Amino acid sequence: MSAAFINPLARNAIGAVNTARAIKQWTRELLDLPVEAVVCVNELVCHVPGCPPKETVVLVMRGRDTDQVSVHQAMRDITCEDLAAAFALHMEGE
């Protein structure tokens, strides 16, 4: 039996999962979210001219209330301060 193919160019899946968990935890702490709130983190290719190649989208669902912020950085490069700034801008725009 042959061994499963391992893509040597693939991102480290464990690293990505841990980074997403950290971003979710920061989001919960920054917004003082209840346990029932759902936080989703996705890294997308940014197609906006002049935008960095990757953006991270954070979606917060509190019942029917939903907020979404984008940080124009790869998920692995985001700091808690970057996330706080993105949510501050989002709250100003409401």
PDB file of N, CA and C in Angstrom:
ATOM      1  N   MET A   1       0.852  -1.166   0.000  1.00  0.00           N
ATOM      2  CA  MET A   1       0.000   0.000   0.000  1.00  0.00           C
ATOM      3  C   MET A   1       0.902   1.234   0.000  1.00  0.00           C
ATOM      4  N   SER A   2       0.534   2.234  -0.793  1.00  0.00           N
ATOM      5  CA  SER A   2       1.347   3.445  -0.870  1.00  0.00           C
ATOM      6  C   SER A   2       0.959   4.425   0.239  1.00  0.00           C
ATOM      7  N   ALA A   3       1.925   5.219   0.635  1.00  0.00           N
ATOM      8  CA  ALA A   3       1.677   6.239   1.661  1.00  0.00           C
ATOM      9  C   ALA A   3       0.835   7.359   1.069  1.00  0.00           C
ATOM     10  N   ALA A   4       0.086   8.045   1.903  1.00  0.00           N
ATOM     11  CA  ALA A   4      -0.735   9.172   1.450  1.00  0.00           C
ATOM     12  C   ALA A   4       0.171  10.292   0.958  1.00  0.00           C
ATOM     13  N   PHE A   5      -0.287  10.990  -0.060  1.00  0.00           N
ATOM     14  CA  PHE A   5       0.474  12.111  -0.605  1.00  0.00           C
ATOM     15  C   PHE A   5       0.454  13.264   0.386  1.00  0.00           C
ATOM     16  N   ILE A   6       1.606  13.825   0.653  1.00  0.00           N
ATOM     17  CA  ILE A   6       1.718  15.012   1.508  1.00  0.00           C
ATOM     18  C   ILE A   6       2.254  16.138   0.645  1.00  0.00           C
ATOM     19  N   ASN A   7       1.485  17.184   0.510  1.00  0.00           N
ATOM     20  CA  ASN A   7       1.874  18.321  -0.312  1.00  0.00           C
ATOM     21  C   ASN A   7       2.938  19.129   0.430  1.00  0.00           C
ATOM     22  N   PRO A   8       4.163  19.152  -0.087  1.00  0.00           N
ATOM     23  CA  PRO A   8       5.224  19.886   0.613  1.00  0.00           C
ATOM     24  C   PRO A   8       5.049  21.402   0.570  1.00  0.00           C
ATOM     25  N   LEU A   9       4.165  21.893  -0.299  1.00  0.00           N
ATOM     26  CA  LEU A   9       3.953  23.338  -0.420  1.00  0.00           C
ATOM     27  C   LEU A   9       2.728  23.822   0.349  1.00  0.00           C
ATOM     28  N   ALA A  10       1.980  22.896   0.944  1.00  0.00           N
ATOM     29  CA  ALA A  10       0.759  23.268   1.664  1.00  0.00           C
ATOM     30  C   ALA A  10       1.103  24.017   2.944  1.00  0.00           C
ATOM     31  N   ARG A  11       0.184  24.927   3.327  1.00  0.00           N
ATOM     32  CA  ARG A  11       0.361  25.629   4.601  1.00  0.00           C
ATOM     33  C   ARG A  11       0.294  24.631   5.734  1.00  0.00           C
ATOM     34  N   ASN A  12       0.931  24.950   6.805  1.00  0.00           N
ATOM     35  CA  ASN A  12       0.889  24.122   7.996  1.00  0.00           C
ATOM     36  C   ASN A  12      -0.520  24.210   8.578  1.00  0.00           C
ATOM     37  N   ALA A  13      -1.301  23.145   8.418  1.00  0.00           N
ATOM     38  CA  ALA A  13      -2.702  23.161   8.847  1.00  0.00           C
ATOM     39  C   ALA A  13      -2.831  23.398  10.348  1.00  0.00           C
ATOM     40  N   ILE A  14      -1.958  22.798  11.132  1.00  0.00           N
ATOM     41  CA  ILE A  14      -2.031  22.981  12.583  1.00  0.00           C
ATOM     42  C   ILE A  14      -1.746  24.435  12.945  1.00  0.00           C
ATOM     43  N   GLY A  15      -0.774  25.048  12.294  1.00  0.00           N
ATOM     44  CA  GLY A  15      -0.472  26.453  12.542  1.00  0.00           C
ATOM     45  C   GLY A  15      -1.641  27.353  12.200  1.00  0.00           C
ATOM     46  N   ALA A  16      -2.322  27.066  11.080  1.00  0.00           N
ATOM     47  CA  ALA A  16      -3.480  27.867  10.669  1.00  0.00           C
ATOM     48  C   ALA A  16      -4.625  27.720  11.665  1.00  0.00           C
ATOM     49  N   VAL A  17      -4.847  26.515  12.143  1.00  0.00           N
ATOM     50  CA  VAL A  17      -5.916  26.279  13.119  1.00  0.00           C
ATOM     51  C   VAL A  17      -5.620  27.024  14.418  1.00  0.00           C
ATOM     52  N   ASN A  18      -4.389  26.950  14.879  1.00  0.00           N
ATOM     53  CA  ASN A  18      -4.024  27.653  16.117  1.00  0.00           C
ATOM     54  C   ASN A  18      -4.129  29.163  15.960  1.00  0.00           C
ATOM     55  N   THR A  19      -3.766  29.676  14.789  1.00  0.00           N
ATOM     56  CA  THR A  19      -3.884  31.112  14.530  1.00  0.00           C
ATOM     57  C   THR A  19      -5.345  31.530  14.530  1.00  0.00           C
ATOM     58  N   ALA A  20      -6.201  30.750  13.874  1.00  0.00           N
ATOM     59  CA  ALA A  20      -7.637  31.056  13.853  1.00  0.00           C
ATOM     60  C   ALA A  20      -8.206  31.037  15.271  1.00  0.00           C
ATOM     61  N   ARG A  21      -7.785  30.074  16.072  1.00  0.00           N
ATOM     62  CA  ARG A  21      -8.256  30.012  17.468  1.00  0.00           C
ATOM     63  C   ARG A  21      -7.845  31.256  18.245  1.00  0.00           C
ATOM     64  N   ALA A  22      -6.618  31.707  18.033  1.00  0.00           N
ATOM     65  CA  ALA A  22      -6.149  32.912  18.728  1.00  0.00           C
ATOM     66  C   ALA A  22      -6.976  34.123  18.312  1.00  0.00           C
ATOM     67  N   ILE A  23      -7.248  34.263  17.017  1.00  0.00           N
ATOM     68  CA  ILE A  23      -8.041  35.394  16.521  1.00  0.00           C
ATOM     69  C   ILE A  23      -9.452  35.340  17.095  1.00  0.00           C
ATOM     70  N   LYS A  24     -10.031  34.148  17.174  1.00  0.00           N
ATOM     71  CA  LYS A  24     -11.367  33.998  17.768  1.00  0.00           C
ATOM     72  C   LYS A  24     -11.347  34.408  19.240  1.00  0.00           C
ATOM     73  N   GLN A  25     -10.328  33.992  19.967  1.00  0.00           N
ATOM     74  CA  GLN A  25     -10.233  34.334  21.387  1.00  0.00           C
ATOM     75  C   GLN A  25     -10.057  35.838  21.572  1.00  0.00           C
ATOM     76  N   TRP A  26      -9.191  36.451  20.766  1.00  0.00           N
ATOM     77  CA  TRP A  26      -9.012  37.903  20.846  1.00  0.00           C
ATOM     78  C   TRP A  26     -10.332  38.617  20.582  1.00  0.00           C
ATOM     79  N   THR A  27     -11.070  38.136  19.576  1.00  0.00           N
ATOM     80  CA  THR A  27     -12.358  38.743  19.227  1.00  0.00           C
ATOM     81  C   THR A  27     -13.310  38.657  20.405  1.00  0.00           C
ATOM     82  N   ARG A  28     -13.390  37.491  21.021  1.00  0.00           N
ATOM     83  CA  ARG A  28     -14.276  37.309  22.176  1.00  0.00           C
ATOM     84  C   ARG A  28     -13.900  38.264  23.316  1.00  0.00           C
ATOM     85  N   GLU A  29     -12.603  38.413  23.553  1.00  0.00           N
ATOM     86  CA  GLU A  29     -12.148  39.293  24.632  1.00  0.00           C
ATOM     87  C   GLU A  29     -12.374  40.764  24.294  1.00  0.00           C
ATOM     88  N   LEU A  30     -12.057  41.166  23.062  1.00  0.00           N
ATOM     89  CA  LEU A  30     -12.212  42.567  22.663  1.00  0.00           C
ATOM     90  C   LEU A  30     -13.664  43.021  22.704  1.00  0.00           C
ATOM     91  N   LEU A  31     -14.581  42.126  22.302  1.00  0.00           N
ATOM     92  CA  LEU A  31     -15.997  42.485  22.220  1.00  0.00           C
ATOM     93  C   LEU A  31     -16.790  42.008  23.431  1.00  0.00           C
ATOM     94  N   ASP A  32     -16.124  41.365  24.382  1.00  0.00           N
ATOM     95  CA  ASP A  32     -16.786  40.831  25.573  1.00  0.00           C
ATOM     96  C   ASP A  32     -18.017  40.013  25.178  1.00  0.00           C
ATOM     97  N   LEU A  33     -17.784  39.024  24.315  1.00  0.00           N
ATOM     98  CA  LEU A  33     -18.877  38.231  23.754  1.00  0.00           C
ATOM     99  C   LEU A  33     -19.368  37.164  24.725  1.00  0.00           C
ATOM    100  N   PRO A  34     -20.675  36.889  24.689  1.00  0.00           N
ATOM    101  CA  PRO A  34     -21.201  35.783  25.493  1.00  0.00           C
ATOM    102  C   PRO A  34     -20.786  34.444  24.864  1.00  0.00           C
ATOM    103  N   VAL A  35     -20.876  33.396  25.633  1.00  0.00           N
ATOM    104  CA  VAL A  35     -20.488  32.061  25.168  1.00  0.00           C
ATOM    105  C   VAL A  35     -21.290  31.650  23.933  1.00  0.00           C
ATOM    106  N   GLU A  36     -22.545  32.083  23.841  1.00  0.00           N
ATOM    107  CA  GLU A  36     -23.416  31.678  22.734  1.00  0.00           C
ATOM    108  C   GLU A  36     -23.018  32.304  21.400  1.00  0.00           C
ATOM    109  N   ALA A  37     -22.269  33.382  21.428  1.00  0.00           N
ATOM    110  CA  ALA A  37     -21.876  34.060  20.182  1.00  0.00           C
ATOM    111  C   ALA A  37     -20.960  33.147  19.371  1.00  0.00           C
ATOM    112  N   VAL A  38     -21.110  33.236  18.054  1.00  0.00           N
ATOM    113  CA  VAL A  38     -20.294  32.437  17.144  1.00  0.00           C
ATOM    114  C   VAL A  38     -19.310  33.367  16.443  1.00  0.00           C
ATOM    115  N   VAL A  39     -18.043  32.974  16.412  1.00  0.00           N
ATOM    116  CA  VAL A  39     -17.007  33.744  15.727  1.00  0.00           C
ATOM    117  C   VAL A  39     -16.405  32.852  14.645  1.00  0.00           C
ATOM    118  N   CYS A  40     -16.412  33.332  13.411  1.00  0.00           N
ATOM    119  CA  CYS A  40     -15.819  32.609  12.282  1.00  0.00           C
ATOM    120  C   CYS A  40     -14.661  33.432  11.735  1.00  0.00           C
ATOM    121  N   VAL A  41     -13.580  32.759  11.398  1.00  0.00           N
ATOM    122  CA  VAL A  41     -12.399  33.422  10.845  1.00  0.00           C
ATOM    123  C   VAL A  41     -12.046  32.736   9.534  1.00  0.00           C
ATOM    124  N   ASN A  42     -11.900  33.528   8.474  1.00  0.00           N
ATOM    125  CA  ASN A  42     -11.534  32.989   7.165  1.00  0.00           C
ATOM    126  C   ASN A  42     -10.468  33.855   6.525  1.00  0.00           C
ATOM    127  N   GLU A  43      -9.539  33.218   5.862  1.00  0.00           N
ATOM    128  CA  GLU A  43      -8.529  33.934   5.089  1.00  0.00           C
ATOM    129  C   GLU A  43      -8.913  33.813   3.617  1.00  0.00           C
ATOM    130  N   LEU A  44      -8.981  34.950   2.942  1.00  0.00           N
ATOM    131  CA  LEU A  44      -9.407  34.991   1.546  1.00  0.00           C
ATOM    132  C   LEU A  44      -8.362  35.686   0.691  1.00  0.00           C
ATOM    133  N   VAL A  45      -8.429  35.411  -0.592  1.00  0.00           N
ATOM    134  CA  VAL A  45      -7.605  36.145  -1.548  1.00  0.00           C
ATOM    135  C   VAL A  45      -8.298  37.476  -1.779  1.00  0.00           C
ATOM    136  N   CYS A  46      -7.558  38.576  -1.667  1.00  0.00           N
ATOM    137  CA  CYS A  46      -8.130  39.910  -1.851  1.00  0.00           C
ATOM    138  C   CYS A  46      -8.012  40.308  -3.319  1.00  0.00           C
ATOM    139  N   HIS A  47      -9.131  40.664  -3.934  1.00  0.00           N
ATOM    140  CA  HIS A  47      -9.157  41.036  -5.345  1.00  0.00           C
ATOM    141  C   HIS A  47      -9.271  42.540  -5.566  1.00  0.00           C
ATOM    142  N   VAL A  48      -9.249  43.312  -4.492  1.00  0.00           N
ATOM    143  CA  VAL A  48      -9.353  44.764  -4.602  1.00  0.00           C
ATOM    144  C   VAL A  48      -7.998  45.315  -5.054  1.00  0.00           C
ATOM    145  N   PRO A  49      -7.984  46.161  -6.097  1.00  0.00           N
ATOM    146  CA  PRO A  49      -6.700  46.721  -6.544  1.00  0.00           C
ATOM    147  C   PRO A  49      -5.975  47.440  -5.405  1.00  0.00           C
ATOM    148  N   GLY A  50      -4.684  47.179  -5.276  1.00  0.00           N
ATOM    149  CA  GLY A  50      -3.881  47.803  -4.235  1.00  0.00           C
ATOM    150  C   GLY A  50      -3.945  47.101  -2.892  1.00  0.00           C
ATOM    151  N   CYS A  51      -4.785  46.113  -2.781  1.00  0.00           N
ATOM    152  CA  CYS A  51      -4.944  45.365  -1.531  1.00  0.00           C
ATOM    153  C   CYS A  51      -3.850  44.298  -1.437  1.00  0.00           C
ATOM    154  N   PRO A  52      -3.357  44.015  -0.232  1.00  0.00           N
ATOM    155  CA  PRO A  52      -2.414  42.903  -0.095  1.00  0.00           C
ATOM    156  C   PRO A  52      -3.059  41.610  -0.616  1.00  0.00           C
ATOM    157  N   PRO A  53      -2.263  40.621  -0.980  1.00  0.00           N
ATOM    158  CA  PRO A  53      -2.818  39.415  -1.599  1.00  0.00           C
ATOM    159  C   PRO A  53      -3.780  38.618  -0.719  1.00  0.00           C
ATOM    160  N   LYS A  54      -3.664  38.736   0.588  1.00  0.00           N
ATOM    161  CA  LYS A  54      -4.561  37.998   1.482  1.00  0.00           C
ATOM    162  C   LYS A  54      -5.266  38.961   2.421  1.00  0.00           C
ATOM    163  N   GLU A  55      -6.503  38.612   2.761  1.00  0.00           N
ATOM    164  CA  GLU A  55      -7.225  39.355   3.787  1.00  0.00           C
ATOM    165  C   GLU A  55      -7.882  38.347   4.714  1.00  0.00           C
ATOM    166  N   THR A  56      -8.053  38.742   5.940  1.00  0.00           N
ATOM    167  CA  THR A  56      -8.696  37.889   6.925  1.00  0.00           C
ATOM    168  C   THR A  56     -10.029  38.520   7.284  1.00  0.00           C
ATOM    169  N   VAL A  57     -11.085  37.712   7.196  1.00  0.00           N
ATOM    170  CA  VAL A  57     -12.431  38.181   7.500  1.00  0.00           C
ATOM    171  C   VAL A  57     -12.877  37.523   8.800  1.00  0.00           C
ATOM    172  N   VAL A  58     -13.354  38.356   9.728  1.00  0.00           N
ATOM    173  CA  VAL A  58     -13.854  37.863  11.010  1.00  0.00           C
ATOM    174  C   VAL A  58     -15.343  38.180  11.062  1.00  0.00           C
ATOM    175  N   LEU A  59     -16.141  37.146  11.252  1.00  0.00           N
ATOM    176  CA  LEU A  59     -17.592  37.272  11.309  1.00  0.00           C
ATOM    177  C   LEU A  59     -18.037  36.935  12.729  1.00  0.00           C
ATOM    178  N   VAL A  60     -18.827  37.836  13.320  1.00  0.00           N
ATOM    179  CA  VAL A  60     -19.331  37.634  14.679  1.00  0.00           C
ATOM    180  C   VAL A  60     -20.847  37.571  14.604  1.00  0.00           C
ATOM    181  N   MET A  61     -21.409  36.456  15.080  1.00  0.00           N
ATOM    182  CA  MET A  61     -22.864  36.266  15.043  1.00  0.00           C
ATOM    183  C   MET A  61     -23.385  36.140  16.467  1.00  0.00           C
ATOM    184  N   ARG A  62     -24.207  37.126  16.842  1.00  0.00           N
ATOM    185  CA  ARG A  62     -24.849  37.147  18.158  1.00  0.00           C
ATOM    186  C   ARG A  62     -26.346  37.102  17.913  1.00  0.00           C
ATOM    187  N   GLY A  63     -26.900  35.914  17.858  1.00  0.00           N
ATOM    188  CA  GLY A  63     -28.315  35.792  17.521  1.00  0.00           C
ATOM    189  C   GLY A  63     -28.546  36.319  16.121  1.00  0.00           C
ATOM    190  N   ARG A  64     -29.416  37.314  15.991  1.00  0.00           N
ATOM    191  CA  ARG A  64     -29.684  37.906  14.670  1.00  0.00           C
ATOM    192  C   ARG A  64     -28.725  39.032  14.325  1.00  0.00           C
ATOM    193  N   ASP A  65     -27.956  39.479  15.297  1.00  0.00           N
ATOM    194  CA  ASP A  65     -26.996  40.562  15.095  1.00  0.00           C
ATOM    195  C   ASP A  65     -25.693  39.985  14.558  1.00  0.00           C
ATOM    196  N   THR A  66     -25.253  40.485  13.403  1.00  0.00           N
ATOM    197  CA  THR A  66     -24.028  39.990  12.776  1.00  0.00           C
ATOM    198  C   THR A  66     -23.113  41.156  12.440  1.00  0.00           C
ATOM    199  N   ASP A  67     -21.840  41.005  12.752  1.00  0.00           N
ATOM    200  CA  ASP A  67     -20.820  41.994  12.401  1.00  0.00           C
ATOM    201  C   ASP A  67     -19.715  41.297  11.635  1.00  0.00           C
ATOM    202  N   GLN A  68     -19.147  42.013  10.676  1.00  0.00           N
ATOM    203  CA  GLN A  68     -18.046  41.472   9.888  1.00  0.00           C
ATOM    204  C   GLN A  68     -16.971  42.533   9.737  1.00  0.00           C
ATOM    205  N   VAL A  69     -15.726  42.143   9.975  1.00  0.00           N
ATOM    206  CA  VAL A  69     -14.600  43.041   9.730  1.00  0.00           C
ATOM    207  C   VAL A  69     -13.580  42.321   8.863  1.00  0.00           C
ATOM    208  N   SER A  70     -12.865  43.113   8.088  1.00  0.00           N
ATOM    209  CA  SER A  70     -11.782  42.588   7.259  1.00  0.00           C
ATOM    210  C   SER A  70     -10.479  43.238   7.692  1.00  0.00           C
ATOM    211  N   VAL A  71      -9.458  42.421   7.812  1.00  0.00           N
ATOM    212  CA  VAL A  71      -8.113  42.906   8.091  1.00  0.00           C
ATOM    213  C   VAL A  71      -7.290  42.527   6.873  1.00  0.00           C
ATOM    214  N   HIS A  72      -6.721  43.507   6.214  1.00  0.00           N
ATOM    215  CA  HIS A  72      -6.012  43.253   4.958  1.00  0.00           C
ATOM    216  C   HIS A  72      -4.599  42.737   5.208  1.00  0.00           C
ATOM    217  N   GLN A  73      -4.569  41.562   5.830  1.00  0.00           N
ATOM    218  CA  GLN A  73      -3.327  40.860   6.128  1.00  0.00           C
ATOM    219  C   GLN A  73      -3.633  39.366   6.129  1.00  0.00           C
ATOM    220  N   ALA A  74      -2.598  38.579   5.919  1.00  0.00           N
ATOM    221  CA  ALA A  74      -2.749  37.134   6.072  1.00  0.00           C
ATOM    222  C   ALA A  74      -3.054  36.834   7.537  1.00  0.00           C
ATOM    223  N   MET A  75      -3.801  35.789   7.773  1.00  0.00           N
ATOM    224  CA  MET A  75      -4.209  35.419   9.122  1.00  0.00           C
ATOM    225  C   MET A  75      -3.008  35.282  10.057  1.00  0.00           C
ATOM    226  N   ARG A  76      -1.933  34.686   9.583  1.00  0.00           N
ATOM    227  CA  ARG A  76      -0.768  34.437  10.448  1.00  0.00           C
ATOM    228  C   ARG A  76      -0.039  35.714  10.854  1.00  0.00           C
ATOM    229  N   ASP A  77      -0.312  36.840  10.157  1.00  0.00           N
ATOM    230  CA  ASP A  77       0.377  38.101  10.441  1.00  0.00           C
ATOM    231  C   ASP A  77      -0.410  39.033  11.357  1.00  0.00           C
ATOM    232  N   ILE A  78      -1.647  38.692  11.659  1.00  0.00           N
ATOM    233  CA  ILE A  78      -2.516  39.574  12.445  1.00  0.00           C
ATOM    234  C   ILE A  78      -2.143  39.530  13.925  1.00  0.00           C
ATOM    235  N   THR A  79      -2.166  40.708  14.539  1.00  0.00           N
ATOM    236  CA  THR A  79      -1.967  40.814  15.987  1.00  0.00           C
ATOM    237  C   THR A  79      -3.298  41.219  16.624  1.00  0.00           C
ATOM    238  N   CYS A  80      -3.366  41.112  17.919  1.00  0.00           N
ATOM    239  CA  CYS A  80      -4.563  41.543  18.637  1.00  0.00           C
ATOM    240  C   CYS A  80      -4.810  43.032  18.403  1.00  0.00           C
ATOM    241  N   GLU A  81      -3.746  43.818  18.304  1.00  0.00           N
ATOM    242  CA  GLU A  81      -3.868  45.256  18.064  1.00  0.00           C
ATOM    243  C   GLU A  81      -4.475  45.534  16.683  1.00  0.00           C
ATOM    244  N   ASP A  82      -4.089  44.745  15.668  1.00  0.00           N
ATOM    245  CA  ASP A  82      -4.672  44.892  14.328  1.00  0.00           C
ATOM    246  C   ASP A  82      -6.172  44.636  14.374  1.00  0.00           C
ATOM    247  N   LEU A  83      -6.548  43.596  15.096  1.00  0.00           N
ATOM    248  CA  LEU A  83      -7.952  43.227  15.210  1.00  0.00           C
ATOM    249  C   LEU A  83      -8.733  44.306  15.959  1.00  0.00           C
ATOM    250  N   ALA A  84      -8.157  44.825  17.031  1.00  0.00           N
ATOM    251  CA  ALA A  84      -8.810  45.892  17.796  1.00  0.00           C
ATOM    252  C   ALA A  84      -9.033  47.119  16.924  1.00  0.00           C
ATOM    253  N   ALA A  85      -8.047  47.467  16.106  1.00  0.00           N
ATOM    254  CA  ALA A  85      -8.182  48.622  15.209  1.00  0.00           C
ATOM    255  C   ALA A  85      -9.280  48.387  14.181  1.00  0.00           C
ATOM    256  N   ALA A  86      -9.368  47.176  13.645  1.00  0.00           N
ATOM    257  CA  ALA A  86     -10.404  46.863  12.651  1.00  0.00           C
ATOM    258  C   ALA A  86     -11.797  46.964  13.263  1.00  0.00           C
ATOM    259  N   PHE A  87     -11.970  46.445  14.473  1.00  0.00           N
ATOM    260  CA  PHE A  87     -13.276  46.538  15.126  1.00  0.00           C
ATOM    261  C   PHE A  87     -13.598  47.977  15.513  1.00  0.00           C
ATOM    262  N   ALA A  88     -12.603  48.762  15.915  1.00  0.00           N
ATOM    263  CA  ALA A  88     -12.833  50.173  16.250  1.00  0.00           C
ATOM    264  C   ALA A  88     -13.327  50.931  15.022  1.00  0.00           C
ATOM    265  N   LEU A  89     -12.698  50.701  13.865  1.00  0.00           N
ATOM    266  CA  LEU A  89     -13.150  51.343  12.618  1.00  0.00           C
ATOM    267  C   LEU A  89     -14.559  50.908  12.261  1.00  0.00           C
ATOM    268  N   HIS A  90     -14.842  49.634  12.450  1.00  0.00           N
ATOM    269  CA  HIS A  90     -16.177  49.107  12.147  1.00  0.00           C
ATOM    270  C   HIS A  90     -17.232  49.768  13.033  1.00  0.00           C
ATOM    271  N   MET A  91     -16.936  49.901  14.304  1.00  0.00           N
ATOM    272  CA  MET A  91     -17.896  50.502  15.237  1.00  0.00           C
ATOM    273  C   MET A  91     -18.112  51.984  14.942  1.00  0.00           C
ATOM    274  N   GLU A  92     -17.065  52.684  14.482  1.00  0.00           N
ATOM    275  CA  GLU A  92     -17.203  54.096  14.112  1.00  0.00           C
ATOM    276  C   GLU A  92     -18.125  54.259  12.919  1.00  0.00           C
ATOM    277  N   GLY A  93     -18.089  53.284  12.001  1.00  0.00           N
ATOM    278  CA  GLY A  93     -18.876  53.361  10.775  1.00  0.00           C
ATOM    279  C   GLY A  93     -20.338  53.026  10.950  1.00  0.00           C
ATOM    280  N   GLU A  94     -20.737  52.554  12.111  1.00  0.00           N
ATOM    281  CA  GLU A  94     -22.143  52.179  12.316  1.00  0.00           C
ATOM    282  C   GLU A  94     -23.013  53.379  12.547  1.00  0.00           C
TER     283      GLU A  94
END
